[in-house]
C-alpha atoms as a PDB file:
ATOM      1  CA  MET A   1      40.947  32.239  13.444  1.00  0.00           C
ATOM      2  CA  ILE A   2      37.829  31.193  11.499  1.00  0.00           C
ATOM      3  CA  ALA A   3      39.987  30.182   8.551  1.00  0.00           C
ATOM      4  CA  VAL A   4      42.147  28.013  10.806  1.00  0.00           C
ATOM      5  CA  LEU A   5      39.094  26.296  12.289  1.00  0.00           C
ATOM      6  CA  SER A   6      37.685  25.678   8.809  1.00  0.00           C
ATOM      7  CA  ARG A   7      40.984  24.161   7.763  1.00  0.00           C
ATOM      8  CA  ARG A   8      40.964  21.848  10.770  1.00  0.00           C
ATOM      9  CA  ARG A   9      37.418  20.748   9.992  1.00  0.00           C
ATOM     10  CA  SER A  10      38.406  19.970   6.411  1.00  0.00           C
ATOM     11  CA  LEU A  11      41.221  17.723   7.662  1.00  0.00           C
ATOM     12  CA  GLN A  12      38.967  15.889  10.108  1.00  0.00           C
ATOM     13  CA  VAL A  13      39.015  12.113   9.696  1.00  0.00           C
ATOM     14  CA  PRO A  14      35.482  10.685   9.292  1.00  0.00           C
ATOM     15  CA  ALA A  15      34.128   8.820  12.305  1.00  0.00           C
ATOM     16  CA  ALA A  16      31.337   6.259  12.308  1.00  0.00           C
ATOM     17  CA  ASP A  17      29.749   7.612  15.509  1.00  0.00           C
ATOM     18  CA  ARG A  18      29.444  11.129  14.101  1.00  0.00           C
ATOM     19  CA  ALA A  19      28.224   9.923  10.692  1.00  0.00           C
ATOM     20  CA  ALA A  20      25.634   7.757  12.469  1.00  0.00           C
ATOM     21  CA  HIS A  21      23.769  10.898  13.539  1.00  0.00           C
ATOM     22  CA  LEU A  22      22.969  11.672   9.898  1.00  0.00           C
ATOM     23  CA  VAL A  23      21.789   8.104   9.377  1.00  0.00           C
ATOM     24  CA  GLU A  24      19.531   8.469  12.438  1.00  0.00           C
ATOM     25  CA  ARG A  25      18.195  11.771  11.116  1.00  0.00           C
ATOM     26  CA  ASN A  26      17.266  10.188   7.773  1.00  0.00           C
ATOM     27  CA  ALA A  27      15.651   7.194   9.460  1.00  0.00           C
ATOM     28  CA  ILE A  28      13.459   9.490  11.583  1.00  0.00           C
ATOM     29  CA  LEU A  29      12.527  11.552   8.513  1.00  0.00           C
ATOM     30  CA  TYR A  30      11.438   8.485   6.501  1.00  0.00           C
ATOM     31  CA  ARG A  31       9.505   6.966   9.384  1.00  0.00           C
ATOM     32  CA  ARG A  32       6.335   8.608   8.067  1.00  0.00           C
ATOM     33  CA  ALA A  33       7.281   8.253   4.395  1.00  0.00           C
ATOM     34  CA  TRP A  34       8.358   4.616   4.257  1.00  0.00           C
ATOM     35  CA  LEU A  35       6.296   4.054   1.080  1.00  0.00           C
ATOM     36  CA  LEU A  36       8.786   6.228  -0.795  1.00  0.00           C
ATOM     37  CA  ILE A  37      11.525   3.753   0.071  1.00  0.00           C
ATOM     38  CA  VAL A  38       9.466   0.629  -0.583  1.00  0.00           C
ATOM     39  CA  SER A  39       8.314   1.894  -3.990  1.00  0.00           C
ATOM     40  CA  GLY A  40      11.837   1.703  -5.418  1.00  0.00           C
ATOM     41  CA  PHE A  41      11.859  -2.063  -4.921  1.00  0.00           C
ATOM     42  CA  PHE A  42       9.031  -2.762  -7.340  1.00  0.00           C
ATOM     43  CA  GLU A  43      10.448  -1.526 -10.657  1.00  0.00           C
ATOM     44  CA  PRO A  44      13.167  -4.210 -10.994  1.00  0.00           C
ATOM     45  CA  LEU A  45      10.748  -6.790  -9.569  1.00  0.00           C
ATOM     46  CA  LEU A  46       8.244  -6.014 -12.313  1.00  0.00           C
ATOM     47  CA  TYR A  47      11.010  -6.276 -14.902  1.00  0.00           C
ATOM     48  CA  LEU A  48      11.920  -9.675 -13.475  1.00  0.00           C
ATOM     49  CA  LEU A  49       8.344 -10.933 -13.699  1.00  0.00           C
ATOM     50  CA  ALA A  50       7.658  -9.416 -17.128  1.00  0.00           C
ATOM     51  CA  ILE A  51      10.941 -10.254 -18.825  1.00  0.00           C
ATOM     52  CA  GLY A  52      12.364 -13.100 -16.770  1.00  0.00           C
ATOM     53  CA  PHE A  53       9.186 -15.134 -16.936  1.00  0.00           C
ATOM     54  CA  GLY A  54       7.151 -13.526 -19.743  1.00  0.00           C
ATOM     55  CA  VAL A  55       9.874 -13.125 -22.341  1.00  0.00           C
ATOM     56  CA  GLY A  56      11.640 -16.171 -20.939  1.00  0.00           C
ATOM     57  CA  ALA A  57       8.597 -18.301 -21.734  1.00  0.00           C
ATOM     58  CA  LEU A  58       8.633 -17.044 -25.321  1.00  0.00           C
ATOM     59  CA  VAL A  59      12.368 -17.564 -25.722  1.00  0.00           C
ATOM     60  CA  GLY A  60      12.369 -21.012 -24.182  1.00  0.00           C
ATOM     61  CA  GLY A  61      15.476 -23.107 -23.732  1.00  0.00           C
ATOM     62  CA  THR A  62      18.461 -21.952 -21.685  1.00  0.00           C
ATOM     63  CA  VAL A  63      21.170 -19.293 -21.649  1.00  0.00           C
ATOM     64  CA  GLN A  64      24.809 -20.392 -21.713  1.00  0.00           C
ATOM     65  CA  VAL A  65      27.053 -18.749 -19.093  1.00  0.00           C
ATOM     66  CA  ASN A  66      30.659 -19.960 -19.206  1.00  0.00           C
ATOM     67  CA  GLY A  67      29.441 -23.242 -20.634  1.00  0.00           C
ATOM     68  CA  HIS A  68      26.708 -23.686 -17.994  1.00  0.00           C
ATOM     69  CA  PRO A  69      23.069 -23.748 -19.188  1.00  0.00           C
ATOM     70  CA  LEU A  70      20.739 -21.557 -17.106  1.00  0.00           C
ATOM     71  CA  ARG A  71      17.019 -20.940 -17.294  1.00  0.00           C
ATOM     72  CA  TYR A  72      16.370 -17.438 -18.601  1.00  0.00           C
ATOM     73  CA  ALA A  73      14.647 -16.295 -15.393  1.00  0.00           C
ATOM     74  CA  VAL A  74      17.617 -17.577 -13.350  1.00  0.00           C
ATOM     75  CA  PHE A  75      19.921 -15.620 -15.651  1.00  0.00           C
ATOM     76  CA  VAL A  76      17.967 -12.345 -15.405  1.00  0.00           C
ATOM     77  CA  ALA A  77      17.126 -12.398 -11.672  1.00  0.00           C
ATOM     78  CA  PRO A  78      20.578 -11.485 -10.265  1.00  0.00           C
ATOM     79  CA  ALA A  79      20.838  -8.643 -12.781  1.00  0.00           C
ATOM     80  CA  MET A  80      17.575  -7.226 -11.450  1.00  0.00           C
ATOM     81  CA  MET A  81      18.881  -7.592  -7.910  1.00  0.00           C
ATOM     82  CA  ALA A  82      22.010  -5.615  -8.815  1.00  0.00           C
ATOM     83  CA  THR A  83      19.821  -2.997 -10.491  1.00  0.00           C
ATOM     84  CA  SER A  84      17.691  -2.783  -7.361  1.00  0.00           C
ATOM     85  CA  ALA A  85      20.766  -2.084  -5.209  1.00  0.00           C
ATOM     86  CA  MET A  86      21.945   0.516  -7.728  1.00  0.00           C
ATOM     87  CA  ASN A  87      18.572   2.289  -7.861  1.00  0.00           C
ATOM     88  CA  GLY A  88      18.241   2.577  -4.093  1.00  0.00           C
ATOM     89  CA  ALA A  89      21.730   4.013  -3.725  1.00  0.00           C
ATOM     90  CA  ILE A  90      21.668   6.387  -6.704  1.00  0.00           C
ATOM     91  CA  PHE A  91      18.246   7.919  -6.075  1.00  0.00           C
ATOM     92  CA  GLU A  92      19.090   8.587  -2.445  1.00  0.00           C
ATOM     93  CA  THR A  93      22.481  10.183  -3.154  1.00  0.00           C
ATOM     94  CA  SER A  94      21.456  12.154  -6.222  1.00  0.00           C
ATOM     95  CA  PHE A  95      17.993  13.734  -5.980  1.00  0.00           C
ATOM     96  CA  ASN A  96      17.627  13.697  -2.198  1.00  0.00           C
ATOM     97  CA  PHE A  97      21.220  14.659  -1.492  1.00  0.00           C
ATOM     98  CA  PHE A  98      21.102  17.561  -3.950  1.00  0.00           C
ATOM     99  CA  TYR A  99      17.878  18.852  -2.380  1.00  0.00           C
ATOM    100  CA  LYS A 100      19.424  18.824   1.097  1.00  0.00           C
ATOM    101  CA  LEU A 101      22.647  20.388  -0.152  1.00  0.00           C
ATOM    102  CA  LYS A 102      21.306  23.183  -2.352  1.00  0.00           C
ATOM    103  CA  TYR A 103      17.806  23.984  -1.110  1.00  0.00           C
ATOM    104  CA  VAL A 104      17.386  22.945   2.521  1.00  0.00           C
ATOM    105  CA  LYS A 105      21.003  23.937   3.309  1.00  0.00           C
ATOM    106  CA  LEU A 106      20.997  21.097   5.815  1.00  0.00           C
ATOM    107  CA  TYR A 107      24.749  20.606   5.854  1.00  0.00           C
ATOM    108  CA  ASP A 108      25.484  24.243   6.615  1.00  0.00           C
ATOM    109  CA  ALA A 109      23.618  23.714   9.887  1.00  0.00           C
ATOM    110  CA  VAL A 110      25.213  20.300  10.465  1.00  0.00           C
ATOM    111  CA  LEU A 111      28.698  21.822  10.302  1.00  0.00           C
ATOM    112  CA  ALA A 112      27.840  23.921  13.366  1.00  0.00           C
ATOM    113  CA  THR A 113      28.059  20.646  15.314  1.00  0.00           C
ATOM    114  CA  PRO A 114      31.111  18.387  15.803  1.00  0.00           C
ATOM    115  CA  ILE A 115      30.159  16.621  12.542  1.00  0.00           C
ATOM    116  CA  GLY A 116      32.678  17.357   9.780  1.00  0.00           C
ATOM    117  CA  VAL A 117      32.507  17.324   6.001  1.00  0.00           C
ATOM    118  CA  ALA A 118      33.911  13.811   5.709  1.00  0.00           C
ATOM    119  CA  ASP A 119      31.323  12.650   8.271  1.00  0.00           C
ATOM    120  CA  ILE A 120      28.574  14.108   6.077  1.00  0.00           C
ATOM    121  CA  ALA A 121      29.810  12.172   3.044  1.00  0.00           C
ATOM    122  CA  LEU A 122      30.143   8.967   5.063  1.00  0.00           C
ATOM    123  CA  GLY A 123      26.734   9.368   6.741  1.00  0.00           C
ATOM    124  CA  GLU A 124      24.811  10.012   3.537  1.00  0.00           C
ATOM    125  CA  ILE A 125      26.550   7.150   1.740  1.00  0.00           C
ATOM    126  CA  ALA A 126      25.809   4.857   4.691  1.00  0.00           C
ATOM    127  CA  TRP A 127      22.114   5.788   4.558  1.00  0.00           C
ATOM    128  CA  ALA A 128      21.984   5.172   0.810  1.00  0.00           C
ATOM    129  CA  LEU A 129      23.709   1.835   1.402  1.00  0.00           C
ATOM    130  CA  ILE A 130      21.023   0.885   3.927  1.00  0.00           C
ATOM    131  CA  ARG A 131      18.316   1.753   1.400  1.00  0.00           C
ATOM    132  CA  GLY A 132      19.988  -0.252  -1.360  1.00  0.00           C
ATOM    133  CA  THR A 133      20.499  -3.179   1.023  1.00  0.00           C
ATOM    134  CA  LEU A 134      16.810  -3.236   1.930  1.00  0.00           C
ATOM    135  CA  TYR A 135      15.945  -3.530  -1.768  1.00  0.00           C
ATOM    136  CA  ALA A 136      18.506  -6.281  -2.289  1.00  0.00           C
ATOM    137  CA  PHE A 137      17.302  -8.201   0.794  1.00  0.00           C
ATOM    138  CA  GLY A 138      13.718  -8.141  -0.413  1.00  0.00           C
ATOM    139  CA  PHE A 139      14.836  -9.198  -3.861  1.00  0.00           C
ATOM    140  CA  ILE A 140      16.859 -12.207  -2.736  1.00  0.00           C
ATOM    141  CA  ILE A 141      13.838 -13.410  -0.750  1.00  0.00           C
ATOM    142  CA  VAL A 142      11.625 -13.134  -3.837  1.00  0.00           C
ATOM    143  CA  MET A 143      14.245 -14.999  -5.873  1.00  0.00           C
ATOM    144  CA  ALA A 144      14.367 -17.790  -3.322  1.00  0.00           C
ATOM    145  CA  VAL A 145      10.572 -18.095  -3.229  1.00  0.00           C
ATOM    146  CA  LEU A 146      10.434 -18.264  -7.045  1.00  0.00           C
ATOM    147  CA  GLY A 147      13.136 -20.918  -7.168  1.00  0.00           C
ATOM    148  CA  LEU A 148      15.664 -18.672  -8.894  1.00  0.00           C
ATOM    149  CA  VAL A 149      18.497 -19.321  -6.442  1.00  0.00           C
ATOM    150  CA  ILE A 150      20.331 -22.506  -7.426  1.00  0.00           C
ATOM    151  CA  SER A 151      23.580 -22.320  -5.460  1.00  0.00           C
ATOM    152  CA  PRO A 152      24.575 -22.157  -1.770  1.00  0.00           C
ATOM    153  CA  TRP A 153      26.966 -19.365  -2.795  1.00  0.00           C
ATOM    154  CA  ALA A 154      23.841 -17.184  -2.846  1.00  0.00           C
ATOM    155  CA  LEU A 155      24.355 -16.709   0.909  1.00  0.00           C
ATOM    156  CA  LEU A 156      27.020 -14.188  -0.091  1.00  0.00           C
ATOM    157  CA  ALA A 157      24.719 -12.372  -2.502  1.00  0.00           C
ATOM    158  CA  LEU A 158      23.446  -9.909   0.108  1.00  0.00           C
ATOM    159  CA  PRO A 159      26.938  -8.770   1.213  1.00  0.00           C
ATOM    160  CA  ALA A 160      27.840  -8.496  -2.477  1.00  0.00           C
ATOM    161  CA  ALA A 161      24.752  -6.359  -3.082  1.00  0.00           C
ATOM    162  CA  MET A 162      25.827  -4.157  -0.165  1.00  0.00           C
ATOM    163  CA  LEU A 163      29.146  -3.605  -1.915  1.00  0.00           C
ATOM    164  CA  ILE A 164      27.280  -2.639  -5.093  1.00  0.00           C
ATOM    165  CA  GLY A 165      25.138  -0.242  -3.068  1.00  0.00           C
ATOM    166  CA  PHE A 166      28.208   1.321  -1.462  1.00  0.00           C
ATOM    167  CA  THR A 167      29.902   1.856  -4.818  1.00  0.00           C
ATOM    168  CA  PHE A 168      26.889   3.491  -6.427  1.00  0.00           C
ATOM    169  CA  ALA A 169      26.141   5.539  -3.311  1.00  0.00           C
ATOM    170  CA  ALA A 170      29.675   6.937  -3.358  1.00  0.00           C
ATOM    171  CA  VAL A 171      29.502   7.612  -7.100  1.00  0.00           C
ATOM    172  CA  GLY A 172      26.072   9.252  -6.735  1.00  0.00           C
ATOM    173  CA  THR A 173      27.248  11.492  -3.905  1.00  0.00           C
ATOM    174  CA  ALA A 174      30.343  12.578  -5.825  1.00  0.00           C
ATOM    175  CA  ALA A 175      28.323  13.213  -8.996  1.00  0.00           C
ATOM    176  CA  SER A 176      25.744  15.293  -7.101  1.00  0.00           C
ATOM    177  CA  THR A 177      28.407  17.755  -6.032  1.00  0.00           C
ATOM    178  CA  PHE A 178      28.816  18.703  -9.710  1.00  0.00           C
ATOM    179  CA  VAL A 179      25.066  19.210 -10.307  1.00  0.00           C
ATOM    180  CA  ARG A 180      24.029  22.838 -10.822  1.00  0.00           C
ATOM    181  CA  SER A 181      20.239  22.518 -11.211  1.00  0.00           C
ATOM    182  CA  TRP A 182      17.454  19.947 -11.388  1.00  0.00           C
ATOM    183  CA  GLN A 183      17.776  19.857 -15.184  1.00  0.00           C
ATOM    184  CA  ASP A 184      21.226  18.326 -14.812  1.00  0.00           C
ATOM    185  CA  PHE A 185      19.638  15.192 -13.401  1.00  0.00           C
ATOM    186  CA  ASP A 186      18.547  14.335 -16.929  1.00  0.00           C
ATOM    187  CA  LEU A 187      22.185  13.321 -17.361  1.00  0.00           C
ATOM    188  CA  VAL A 188      21.846  10.896 -14.443  1.00  0.00           C
ATOM    189  CA  LEU A 189      18.977   9.102 -16.175  1.00  0.00           C
ATOM    190  CA  THR A 190      20.870   9.257 -19.468  1.00  0.00           C
ATOM    191  CA  VAL A 191      23.635   7.235 -17.808  1.00  0.00           C
ATOM    192  CA  MET A 192      21.491   4.890 -15.720  1.00  0.00           C
ATOM    193  CA  ILE A 193      19.213   3.687 -18.526  1.00  0.00           C
ATOM    194  CA  PRO A 194      22.051   2.430 -20.789  1.00  0.00           C
ATOM    195  CA  LEU A 195      23.686   0.853 -17.749  1.00  0.00           C
ATOM    196  CA  PHE A 196      20.461  -0.981 -16.995  1.00  0.00           C
ATOM    197  CA  LEU A 197      19.934  -2.150 -20.568  1.00  0.00           C
ATOM    198  CA  PHE A 198      23.456  -3.088 -21.629  1.00  0.00           C
ATOM    199  CA  SER A 199      25.269  -4.429 -18.549  1.00  0.00           C
ATOM    200  CA  ALA A 200      24.707  -8.037 -19.659  1.00  0.00           C
ATOM    201  CA  THR A 201      21.364  -7.642 -17.939  1.00  0.00           C
ATOM    202  CA  PHE A 202      19.111  -9.493 -20.345  1.00  0.00           C
ATOM    203  CA  TYR A 203      21.578 -11.451 -22.469  1.00  0.00           C
ATOM    204  CA  PRO A 204      25.191 -12.645 -22.149  1.00  0.00           C
ATOM    205  CA  ILE A 205      27.954 -10.188 -22.915  1.00  0.00           C
ATOM    206  CA  THR A 206      29.347 -12.625 -25.482  1.00  0.00           C
ATOM    207  CA  LEU A 207      26.505 -11.590 -27.820  1.00  0.00           C
ATOM    208  CA  TYR A 208      27.878  -8.034 -28.051  1.00  0.00           C
ATOM    209  CA  PRO A 209      30.385  -6.980 -30.736  1.00  0.00           C
ATOM    210  CA  GLY A 210      33.984  -7.104 -29.502  1.00  0.00           C
ATOM    211  CA  LEU A 211      34.457  -3.359 -28.973  1.00  0.00           C
ATOM    212  CA  LEU A 212      31.122  -3.005 -27.182  1.00  0.00           C
ATOM    213  CA  GLN A 213      32.100  -5.865 -24.863  1.00  0.00           C
ATOM    214  CA  VAL A 214      35.155  -3.875 -23.769  1.00  0.00           C
ATOM    215  CA  VAL A 215      33.061  -0.751 -23.150  1.00  0.00           C
ATOM    216  CA  VAL A 216      30.484  -2.675 -21.114  1.00  0.00           C
ATOM    217  CA  GLN A 217      33.188  -4.325 -19.006  1.00  0.00           C
ATOM    218  CA  LEU A 218      34.392  -0.876 -17.954  1.00  0.00           C
ATOM    219  CA  THR A 219      31.029  -0.001 -16.357  1.00  0.00           C
ATOM    220  CA  PRO A 220      30.176  -0.581 -12.669  1.00  0.00           C
ATOM    221  CA  LEU A 221      26.777  -2.218 -13.065  1.00  0.00           C
ATOM    222  CA  TYR A 222      28.247  -4.913 -15.326  1.00  0.00           C
ATOM    223  CA  HIS A 223      30.610  -5.947 -12.535  1.00  0.00           C
ATOM    224  CA  GLY A 224      27.752  -5.899 -10.033  1.00  0.00           C
ATOM    225  CA  VAL A 225      25.619  -8.081 -12.290  1.00  0.00           C
ATOM    226  CA  ASP A 226      28.471 -10.480 -12.972  1.00  0.00           C
ATOM    227  CA  LEU A 227      29.256 -10.750  -9.255  1.00  0.00           C
ATOM    228  CA  LEU A 228      25.673 -11.521  -8.198  1.00  0.00           C
ATOM    229  CA  ARG A 229      25.081 -13.843 -11.148  1.00  0.00           C
ATOM    230  CA  SER A 230      28.179 -15.838 -10.223  1.00  0.00           C
ATOM    231  CA  LEU A 231      27.028 -16.205  -6.615  1.00  0.00           C
ATOM    232  CA  THR A 232      23.361 -17.027  -7.221  1.00  0.00           C
ATOM    233  CA  THR A 233      24.090 -19.545  -9.995  1.00  0.00           C
ATOM    234  CA  GLY A 234      27.288 -21.059  -8.617  1.00  0.00           C
ATOM    235  CA  VAL A 235      29.170 -20.343 -11.851  1.00  0.00           C
ATOM    236  CA  ILE A 236      32.266 -19.056 -10.044  1.00  0.00           C
ATOM    237  CA  GLY A 237      35.354 -18.011 -11.990  1.00  0.00           C
ATOM    238  CA  PRO A 238      38.388 -15.700 -11.712  1.00  0.00           C
ATOM    239  CA  SER A 239      36.263 -12.788 -12.952  1.00  0.00           C
ATOM    240  CA  ILE A 240      34.644 -12.564  -9.531  1.00  0.00           C
ATOM    241  CA  LEU A 241      37.910 -11.224  -8.101  1.00  0.00           C
ATOM    242  CA  VAL A 242      37.998  -8.547 -10.804  1.00  0.00           C
ATOM    243  CA  ASP A 243      34.400  -7.623  -9.967  1.00  0.00           C
ATOM    244  CA  LEU A 244      35.206  -7.246  -6.275  1.00  0.00           C
ATOM    245  CA  ALA A 245      38.366  -5.216  -6.867  1.00  0.00           C
ATOM    246  CA  TYR A 246      36.623  -2.927  -9.362  1.00  0.00           C
ATOM    247  CA  LEU A 247      33.724  -2.131  -7.032  1.00  0.00           C
ATOM    248  CA  VAL A 248      35.933  -1.578  -3.965  1.00  0.00           C
ATOM    249  CA  VAL A 249      38.398   0.710  -5.760  1.00  0.00           C
ATOM    250  CA  LEU A 250      35.682   2.726  -7.517  1.00  0.00           C
ATOM    251  CA  GLY A 251      33.685   3.121  -4.300  1.00  0.00           C
ATOM    252  CA  ALA A 252      36.719   4.251  -2.291  1.00  0.00           C
ATOM    253  CA  ALA A 253      37.816   6.701  -4.986  1.00  0.00           C
ATOM    254  CA  ALA A 254      34.293   8.154  -5.299  1.00  0.00           C
ATOM    255  CA  LEU A 255      34.026   8.539  -1.507  1.00  0.00           C
ATOM    256  CA  ALA A 256      37.312  10.456  -1.423  1.00  0.00           C
ATOM    257  CA  LEU A 257      36.165  12.659  -4.314  1.00  0.00           C
ATOM    258  CA  ALA A 258      32.801  13.323  -2.652  1.00  0.00           C
ATOM    259  CA  ALA A 259      34.486  14.394   0.596  1.00  0.00           C
ATOM    260  CA  ARG A 260      36.916  16.679  -1.259  1.00  0.00           C
ATOM    261  CA  ARG A 261      34.163  18.262  -3.345  1.00  0.00           C
ATOM    262  CA  LEU A 262      32.007  18.855  -0.267  1.00  0.00           C
ATOM    263  CA  GLU A 263      34.915  20.629   1.401  1.00  0.00           C
ATOM    264  CA  GLY A 264      35.013  23.084  -1.483  1.00  0.00           C
ATOM    265  CA  LEU A 265      31.242  23.614  -1.428  1.00  0.00           C
ATOM    266  CA  LEU A 266      30.642  23.853   2.312  1.00  0.00           C
ATOM    267  CA  LEU A 267      33.875  25.377   3.626  1.00  0.00           C
ATOM    268  CA  LYS A 268      34.445  28.012   0.967  1.00  0.00           C
END
């Protein structure tokens, strides 16, 4: 009988109302620790100020993007916004998720309620998306104040950043189900740092060697950077459709993998 019930729970379709309870739980938990969330916003902001303006002043001139000259700070700013959305989503669904899964055993207790495994995956990804969106919202305001938004298409930058946050939240959740100990998170940083440095973040992808260009174009942050850069600068091309499709497909696939992996871990 228990096995049958477990099987039914594993087949349960995720529901927004059930997943919302996990989002509410996280919001209540962070009510007294809101500085932990706010702190993640400052790292990419400092990079923007130090590199976008500091290095940009030394470099001088403009950066060519699809034949359009852009000030260096205008070029770097959307990349930092994409990085901000990535950081918020990844840190929430990697370190925090692993702690709740392996040490607090939170989800073992949650499964005693009507909430199912798929609801857990959806709820945690939704919370990480909210965190990443808060970073992106603050960043787009800073960009506007500094005069780094030069196109009305920038109105779509926040929804685009939400898509980036969703994709990385789903990937982070799926990856965390493979983590065995805290030492494994060194691999997370080993992946995130090259993504940050080489996703056409600080210079156009056309400056890379041909083979490296192909490798970079296969990574998720590159597509997030390209998407936000297109919207905030108004340099819109067919590549924006590729960016959108890539992020949607990767996010959906990672969400499905996360739910399947959680079934094996929590319903075994």
